[in-house]
Amino acid sequence: KNANLVRLYVKKCEYTDCDFSGADFR
């Protein structure tokens, strides 16, 4: 929640039941 994920790089990952409310994916 409200995490700064700007320029995040994700490869071959798995996300289950995760909450990204308000996150910054720019």
PDB file of all heavy atoms in Angstrom:
ATOM      1  N   LYS A   1       0.827  -1.204   0.000  1.00  0.00           N
ATOM      2  CA  LYS A   1       0.000   0.000   0.000  1.00  0.00           C
ATOM      3  C   LYS A   1       0.865   1.259   0.000  1.00  0.00           C
ATOM      4  O   LYS A   1       1.766   1.404   0.824  1.00  0.00           O
ATOM      5  CB  LYS A   1      -0.926   0.009   1.220  1.00  0.00           C
ATOM      6  CG  LYS A   1      -1.938  -1.120   1.236  1.00  0.00           C
ATOM      7  CD  LYS A   1      -2.808  -1.060   2.486  1.00  0.00           C
ATOM      8  CE  LYS A   1      -3.822  -2.193   2.515  1.00  0.00           C
ATOM      9  NZ  LYS A   1      -4.657  -2.155   3.749  1.00  0.00           N
ATOM     10  N   ASN A   2       0.590   2.144  -0.965  1.00  0.00           N
ATOM     11  CA  ASN A   2       1.311   3.419  -1.089  1.00  0.00           C
ATOM     12  C   ASN A   2       2.819   3.235  -1.247  1.00  0.00           C
ATOM     13  O   ASN A   2       3.597   4.127  -0.922  1.00  0.00           O
ATOM     14  CB  ASN A   2       1.030   4.316   0.123  1.00  0.00           C
ATOM     15  CG  ASN A   2      -0.446   4.617   0.279  1.00  0.00           C
ATOM     16  OD1 ASN A   2      -1.063   5.206  -0.590  1.00  0.00           O
ATOM     17  ND2 ASN A   2      -1.019   4.181   1.389  1.00  0.00           N
ATOM     18  N   ALA A   3       3.233   2.077  -1.758  1.00  0.00           N
ATOM     19  CA  ALA A   3       4.662   1.832  -1.961  1.00  0.00           C
ATOM     20  C   ALA A   3       5.156   2.533  -3.227  1.00  0.00           C
ATOM     21  O   ALA A   3       4.408   2.707  -4.196  1.00  0.00           O
ATOM     22  CB  ALA A   3       4.926   0.332  -2.064  1.00  0.00           C
ATOM     23  N   ASN A   4       6.413   2.939  -3.210  1.00  0.00           N
ATOM     24  CA  ASN A   4       7.055   3.548  -4.376  1.00  0.00           C
ATOM     25  C   ASN A   4       7.677   2.433  -5.213  1.00  0.00           C
ATOM     26  O   ASN A   4       8.722   1.884  -4.856  1.00  0.00           O
ATOM     27  CB  ASN A   4       8.128   4.540  -3.910  1.00  0.00           C
ATOM     28  CG  ASN A   4       8.751   5.279  -5.082  1.00  0.00           C
ATOM     29  OD1 ASN A   4       8.567   4.913  -6.245  1.00  0.00           O
ATOM     30  ND2 ASN A   4       9.497   6.334  -4.790  1.00  0.00           N
ATOM     31  N   LEU A   5       7.018   2.098  -6.325  1.00  0.00           N
ATOM     32  CA  LEU A   5       7.481   1.028  -7.208  1.00  0.00           C
ATOM     33  C   LEU A   5       7.904   1.585  -8.566  1.00  0.00           C
ATOM     34  O   LEU A   5       7.880   0.874  -9.579  1.00  0.00           O
ATOM     35  CB  LEU A   5       6.371  -0.011  -7.390  1.00  0.00           C
ATOM     36  CG  LEU A   5       5.733  -0.556  -6.108  1.00  0.00           C
ATOM     37  CD1 LEU A   5       4.631  -1.566  -6.434  1.00  0.00           C
ATOM     38  CD2 LEU A   5       6.783  -1.191  -5.206  1.00  0.00           C
ATOM     39  N   VAL A   6       8.303   2.843  -8.585  1.00  0.00           N
ATOM     40  CA  VAL A   6       8.730   3.483  -9.826  1.00  0.00           C
ATOM     41  C   VAL A   6       9.938   2.745 -10.408  1.00  0.00           C
ATOM     42  O   VAL A   6      10.892   2.424  -9.680  1.00  0.00           O
ATOM     43  CB  VAL A   6       9.078   4.971  -9.577  1.00  0.00           C
ATOM     44  CG1 VAL A   6       9.675   5.601 -10.838  1.00  0.00           C
ATOM     45  CG2 VAL A   6       7.836   5.736  -9.149  1.00  0.00           C
ATOM     46  N   ARG A   7       9.863   2.435 -11.688  1.00  0.00           N
ATOM     47  CA  ARG A   7      10.935   1.732 -12.404  1.00  0.00           C
ATOM     48  C   ARG A   7      11.226   0.338 -11.822  1.00  0.00           C
ATOM     49  O   ARG A   7      12.318  -0.209 -12.014  1.00  0.00           O
ATOM     50  CB  ARG A   7      12.222   2.558 -12.452  1.00  0.00           C
ATOM     51  CG  ARG A   7      12.100   3.855 -13.257  1.00  0.00           C
ATOM     52  CD  ARG A   7      13.431   4.563 -13.341  1.00  0.00           C
ATOM     53  NE  ARG A   7      13.325   5.835 -14.039  1.00  0.00           N
ATOM     54  CZ  ARG A   7      13.413   5.990 -15.357  1.00  0.00           C
ATOM     55  NH1 ARG A   7      13.591   4.928 -16.125  1.00  0.00           N
ATOM     56  NH2 ARG A   7      13.319   7.179 -15.910  1.00  0.00           N
ATOM     57  N   LEU A   8      10.283  -0.220 -11.131  1.00  0.00           N
ATOM     58  CA  LEU A   8      10.429  -1.582 -10.626  1.00  0.00           C
ATOM     59  C   LEU A   8      10.596  -2.551 -11.800  1.00  0.00           C
ATOM     60  O   LEU A   8       9.964  -2.398 -12.847  1.00  0.00           O
ATOM     61  CB  LEU A   8       9.183  -1.963  -9.826  1.00  0.00           C
ATOM     62  CG  LEU A   8       9.113  -3.382  -9.256  1.00  0.00           C
ATOM     63  CD1 LEU A   8      10.103  -3.533  -8.108  1.00  0.00           C
ATOM     64  CD2 LEU A   8       7.693  -3.680  -8.772  1.00  0.00           C
ATOM     65  N   TYR A   9      11.421  -3.568 -11.623  1.00  0.00           N
ATOM     66  CA  TYR A   9      11.644  -4.589 -12.651  1.00  0.00           C
ATOM     67  C   TYR A   9      11.242  -5.936 -12.065  1.00  0.00           C
ATOM     68  O   TYR A   9      11.785  -6.358 -11.038  1.00  0.00           O
ATOM     69  CB  TYR A   9      13.112  -4.601 -13.067  1.00  0.00           C
ATOM     70  CG  TYR A   9      13.488  -5.675 -14.072  1.00  0.00           C
ATOM     71  CD1 TYR A   9      13.400  -5.436 -15.444  1.00  0.00           C
ATOM     72  CD2 TYR A   9      13.940  -6.922 -13.647  1.00  0.00           C
ATOM     73  CE1 TYR A   9      13.759  -6.419 -16.369  1.00  0.00           C
ATOM     74  CE2 TYR A   9      14.302  -7.905 -14.558  1.00  0.00           C
ATOM     75  CZ  TYR A   9      14.214  -7.647 -15.916  1.00  0.00           C
ATOM     76  OH  TYR A   9      14.564  -8.619 -16.829  1.00  0.00           O
ATOM     77  N   VAL A  10      10.279  -6.590 -12.702  1.00  0.00           N
ATOM     78  CA  VAL A  10       9.768  -7.870 -12.196  1.00  0.00           C
ATOM     79  C   VAL A  10       9.876  -8.918 -13.285  1.00  0.00           C
ATOM     80  O   VAL A  10       9.382  -8.732 -14.400  1.00  0.00           O
ATOM     81  CB  VAL A  10       8.299  -7.731 -11.744  1.00  0.00           C
ATOM     82  CG1 VAL A  10       7.732  -9.085 -11.399  1.00  0.00           C
ATOM     83  CG2 VAL A  10       8.201  -6.795 -10.548  1.00  0.00           C
ATOM     84  N   LYS A  11      10.529 -10.034 -12.982  1.00  0.00           N
ATOM     85  CA  LYS A  11      10.731 -11.103 -13.968  1.00  0.00           C
ATOM     86  C   LYS A  11      10.435 -12.462 -13.325  1.00  0.00           C
ATOM     87  O   LYS A  11      10.948 -12.772 -12.254  1.00  0.00           O
ATOM     88  CB  LYS A  11      12.169 -11.067 -14.477  1.00  0.00           C
ATOM     89  CG  LYS A  11      12.550 -12.190 -15.434  1.00  0.00           C
ATOM     90  CD  LYS A  11      14.009 -12.042 -15.878  1.00  0.00           C
ATOM     91  CE  LYS A  11      14.432 -13.163 -16.825  1.00  0.00           C
ATOM     92  NZ  LYS A  11      15.845 -13.029 -17.250  1.00  0.00           N
ATOM     93  N   LYS A  12       9.588 -13.258 -13.969  1.00  0.00           N
ATOM     94  CA  LYS A  12       9.283 -14.633 -13.533  1.00  0.00           C
ATOM     95  C   LYS A  12       8.860 -14.701 -12.069  1.00  0.00           C
ATOM     96  O   LYS A  12       9.256 -15.609 -11.338  1.00  0.00           O
ATOM     97  CB  LYS A  12      10.496 -15.541 -13.745  1.00  0.00           C
ATOM     98  CG  LYS A  12      10.872 -15.808 -15.186  1.00  0.00           C
ATOM     99  CD  LYS A  12      12.035 -16.790 -15.254  1.00  0.00           C
ATOM    100  CE  LYS A  12      12.402 -17.118 -16.691  1.00  0.00           C
ATOM    101  NZ  LYS A  12      13.537 -18.068 -16.764  1.00  0.00           N
ATOM    102  N   CYS A  13       8.018 -13.773 -11.640  1.00  0.00           N
ATOM    103  CA  CYS A  13       7.591 -13.765 -10.245  1.00  0.00           C
ATOM    104  C   CYS A  13       6.130 -14.206 -10.108  1.00  0.00           C
ATOM    105  O   CYS A  13       5.392 -14.269 -11.091  1.00  0.00           O
ATOM    106  CB  CYS A  13       7.762 -12.366  -9.648  1.00  0.00           C
ATOM    107  SG  CYS A  13       9.496 -11.869  -9.442  1.00  0.00           S
ATOM    108  N   GLU A  14       5.734 -14.499  -8.877  1.00  0.00           N
ATOM    109  CA  GLU A  14       4.354 -14.853  -8.570  1.00  0.00           C
ATOM    110  C   GLU A  14       3.874 -14.010  -7.390  1.00  0.00           C
ATOM    111  O   GLU A  14       4.535 -13.949  -6.353  1.00  0.00           O
ATOM    112  CB  GLU A  14       4.217 -16.333  -8.221  1.00  0.00           C
ATOM    113  CG  GLU A  14       4.447 -17.277  -9.391  1.00  0.00           C
ATOM    114  CD  GLU A  14       4.111 -18.722  -9.031  1.00  0.00           C
ATOM    115  OE1 GLU A  14       3.469 -18.925  -7.978  1.00  0.00           O
ATOM    116  OE2 GLU A  14       4.508 -19.616  -9.788  1.00  0.00           O
ATOM    117  N   TYR A  15       2.727 -13.358  -7.582  1.00  0.00           N
ATOM    118  CA  TYR A  15       2.098 -12.575  -6.518  1.00  0.00           C
ATOM    119  C   TYR A  15       0.713 -13.159  -6.269  1.00  0.00           C
ATOM    120  O   TYR A  15      -0.105 -13.260  -7.196  1.00  0.00           O
ATOM    121  CB  TYR A  15       1.952 -11.104  -6.930  1.00  0.00           C
ATOM    122  CG  TYR A  15       3.253 -10.349  -7.096  1.00  0.00           C
ATOM    123  CD1 TYR A  15       3.980 -10.441  -8.280  1.00  0.00           C
ATOM    124  CD2 TYR A  15       3.737  -9.521  -6.087  1.00  0.00           C
ATOM    125  CE1 TYR A  15       5.166  -9.743  -8.452  1.00  0.00           C
ATOM    126  CE2 TYR A  15       4.925  -8.807  -6.246  1.00  0.00           C
ATOM    127  CZ  TYR A  15       5.629  -8.935  -7.436  1.00  0.00           C
ATOM    128  OH  TYR A  15       6.806  -8.227  -7.594  1.00  0.00           O
ATOM    129  N   THR A  16       0.417 -13.537  -5.026  1.00  0.00           N
ATOM    130  CA  THR A  16      -0.872 -14.109  -4.683  1.00  0.00           C
ATOM    131  C   THR A  16      -1.453 -13.370  -3.476  1.00  0.00           C
ATOM    132  O   THR A  16      -0.768 -13.204  -2.459  1.00  0.00           O
ATOM    133  CB  THR A  16      -0.734 -15.612  -4.343  1.00  0.00           C
ATOM    134  OG1 THR A  16      -0.134 -16.292  -5.454  1.00  0.00           O
ATOM    135  CG2 THR A  16      -2.092 -16.228  -4.070  1.00  0.00           C
ATOM    136  N   ASP A  17      -2.697 -12.904  -3.622  1.00  0.00           N
ATOM    137  CA  ASP A  17      -3.393 -12.209  -2.527  1.00  0.00           C
ATOM    138  C   ASP A  17      -2.575 -11.027  -2.009  1.00  0.00           C
ATOM    139  O   ASP A  17      -2.391 -10.854  -0.793  1.00  0.00           O
ATOM    140  CB  ASP A  17      -3.705 -13.182  -1.380  1.00  0.00           C
ATOM    141  CG  ASP A  17      -4.667 -14.273  -1.796  1.00  0.00           C
ATOM    142  OD1 ASP A  17      -5.670 -13.957  -2.446  1.00  0.00           O
ATOM    143  OD2 ASP A  17      -4.398 -15.453  -1.484  1.00  0.00           O
ATOM    144  N   CYS A  18      -2.087 -10.203  -2.914  1.00  0.00           N
ATOM    145  CA  CYS A  18      -1.302  -9.023  -2.537  1.00  0.00           C
ATOM    146  C   CYS A  18      -2.104  -7.743  -2.784  1.00  0.00           C
ATOM    147  O   CYS A  18      -2.910  -7.665  -3.711  1.00  0.00           O
ATOM    148  CB  CYS A  18       0.005  -8.978  -3.327  1.00  0.00           C
ATOM    149  SG  CYS A  18       1.156 -10.321  -2.918  1.00  0.00           S
ATOM    150  N   ASP A  19      -1.874  -6.752  -1.937  1.00  0.00           N
ATOM    151  CA  ASP A  19      -2.620  -5.494  -2.003  1.00  0.00           C
ATOM    152  C   ASP A  19      -1.673  -4.367  -2.426  1.00  0.00           C
ATOM    153  O   ASP A  19      -0.745  -4.014  -1.694  1.00  0.00           O
ATOM    154  CB  ASP A  19      -3.233  -5.189  -0.637  1.00  0.00           C
ATOM    155  CG  ASP A  19      -4.199  -4.009  -0.677  1.00  0.00           C
ATOM    156  OD1 ASP A  19      -4.208  -3.275  -1.690  1.00  0.00           O
ATOM    157  OD2 ASP A  19      -4.948  -3.822   0.301  1.00  0.00           O
ATOM    158  N   PHE A  20      -1.922  -3.806  -3.630  1.00  0.00           N
ATOM    159  CA  PHE A  20      -1.103  -2.724  -4.166  1.00  0.00           C
ATOM    160  C   PHE A  20      -1.838  -1.387  -4.105  1.00  0.00           C
ATOM    161  O   PHE A  20      -1.488  -0.458  -4.844  1.00  0.00           O
ATOM    162  CB  PHE A  20      -0.724  -3.022  -5.614  1.00  0.00           C
ATOM    163  CG  PHE A  20       0.194  -4.201  -5.793  1.00  0.00           C
ATOM    164  CD1 PHE A  20      -0.318  -5.455  -6.092  1.00  0.00           C
ATOM    165  CD2 PHE A  20       1.568  -4.053  -5.675  1.00  0.00           C
ATOM    166  CE1 PHE A  20       0.518  -6.549  -6.271  1.00  0.00           C
ATOM    167  CE2 PHE A  20       2.407  -5.139  -5.850  1.00  0.00           C
ATOM    168  CZ  PHE A  20       1.882  -6.382  -6.143  1.00  0.00           C
ATOM    169  N   SER A  21      -2.830  -1.247  -3.263  1.00  0.00           N
ATOM    170  CA  SER A  21      -3.622  -0.018  -3.206  1.00  0.00           C
ATOM    171  C   SER A  21      -2.724   1.209  -3.026  1.00  0.00           C
ATOM    172  O   SER A  21      -1.890   1.257  -2.114  1.00  0.00           O
ATOM    173  CB  SER A  21      -4.625  -0.087  -2.049  1.00  0.00           C
ATOM    174  OG  SER A  21      -5.539  -1.130  -2.242  1.00  0.00           O
ATOM    175  N   GLY A  22      -2.893   2.187  -3.919  1.00  0.00           N
ATOM    176  CA  GLY A  22      -2.134   3.429  -3.822  1.00  0.00           C
ATOM    177  C   GLY A  22      -0.683   3.326  -4.252  1.00  0.00           C
ATOM    178  O   GLY A  22       0.071   4.306  -4.137  1.00  0.00           O
ATOM    179  N   ALA A  23      -0.247   2.178  -4.771  1.00  0.00           N
ATOM    180  CA  ALA A  23       1.164   2.011  -5.166  1.00  0.00           C
ATOM    181  C   ALA A  23       1.472   2.801  -6.433  1.00  0.00           C
ATOM    182  O   ALA A  23       0.603   3.054  -7.270  1.00  0.00           O
ATOM    183  CB  ALA A  23       1.478   0.533  -5.376  1.00  0.00           C
ATOM    184  N   ASP A  24       2.716   3.184  -6.573  1.00  0.00           N
ATOM    185  CA  ASP A  24       3.182   3.973  -7.716  1.00  0.00           C
ATOM    186  C   ASP A  24       3.974   3.077  -8.658  1.00  0.00           C
ATOM    187  O   ASP A  24       5.132   2.747  -8.396  1.00  0.00           O
ATOM    188  CB  ASP A  24       4.060   5.125  -7.226  1.00  0.00           C
ATOM    189  CG  ASP A  24       4.360   6.136  -8.322  1.00  0.00           C
ATOM    190  OD1 ASP A  24       4.166   5.804  -9.514  1.00  0.00           O
ATOM    191  OD2 ASP A  24       4.790   7.256  -7.994  1.00  0.00           O
ATOM    192  N   PHE A  25       3.342   2.654  -9.772  1.00  0.00           N
ATOM    193  CA  PHE A  25       3.960   1.772 -10.758  1.00  0.00           C
ATOM    194  C   PHE A  25       4.538   2.532 -11.952  1.00  0.00           C
ATOM    195  O   PHE A  25       4.828   1.925 -12.979  1.00  0.00           O
ATOM    196  CB  PHE A  25       2.923   0.785 -11.305  1.00  0.00           C
ATOM    197  CG  PHE A  25       2.597  -0.369 -10.403  1.00  0.00           C
ATOM    198  CD1 PHE A  25       1.389  -0.418  -9.729  1.00  0.00           C
ATOM    199  CD2 PHE A  25       3.486  -1.414 -10.245  1.00  0.00           C
ATOM    200  CE1 PHE A  25       1.063  -1.487  -8.922  1.00  0.00           C
ATOM    201  CE2 PHE A  25       3.175  -2.498  -9.433  1.00  0.00           C
ATOM    202  CZ  PHE A  25       1.962  -2.531  -8.769  1.00  0.00           C
ATOM    203  N   ARG A  26       4.683   3.829 -11.859  1.00  0.00           N
ATOM    204  CA  ARG A  26       5.125   4.592 -13.024  1.00  0.00           C
ATOM    205  C   ARG A  26       6.481   4.092 -13.547  1.00  0.00           C
ATOM    206  O   ARG A  26       7.408   3.877 -12.783  1.00  0.00           O
ATOM    207  CB  ARG A  26       5.198   6.078 -12.683  1.00  0.00           C
ATOM    208  CG  ARG A  26       3.827   6.736 -12.548  1.00  0.00           C
ATOM    209  CD  ARG A  26       3.917   8.187 -12.178  1.00  0.00           C
ATOM    210  NE  ARG A  26       4.518   8.356 -10.852  1.00  0.00           N
ATOM    211  CZ  ARG A  26       4.808   9.538 -10.314  1.00  0.00           C
ATOM    212  NH1 ARG A  26       4.572  10.641 -10.983  1.00  0.00           N
ATOM    213  NH2 ARG A  26       5.330   9.600  -9.099  1.00  0.00           N
TER     214      ARG A  26
END
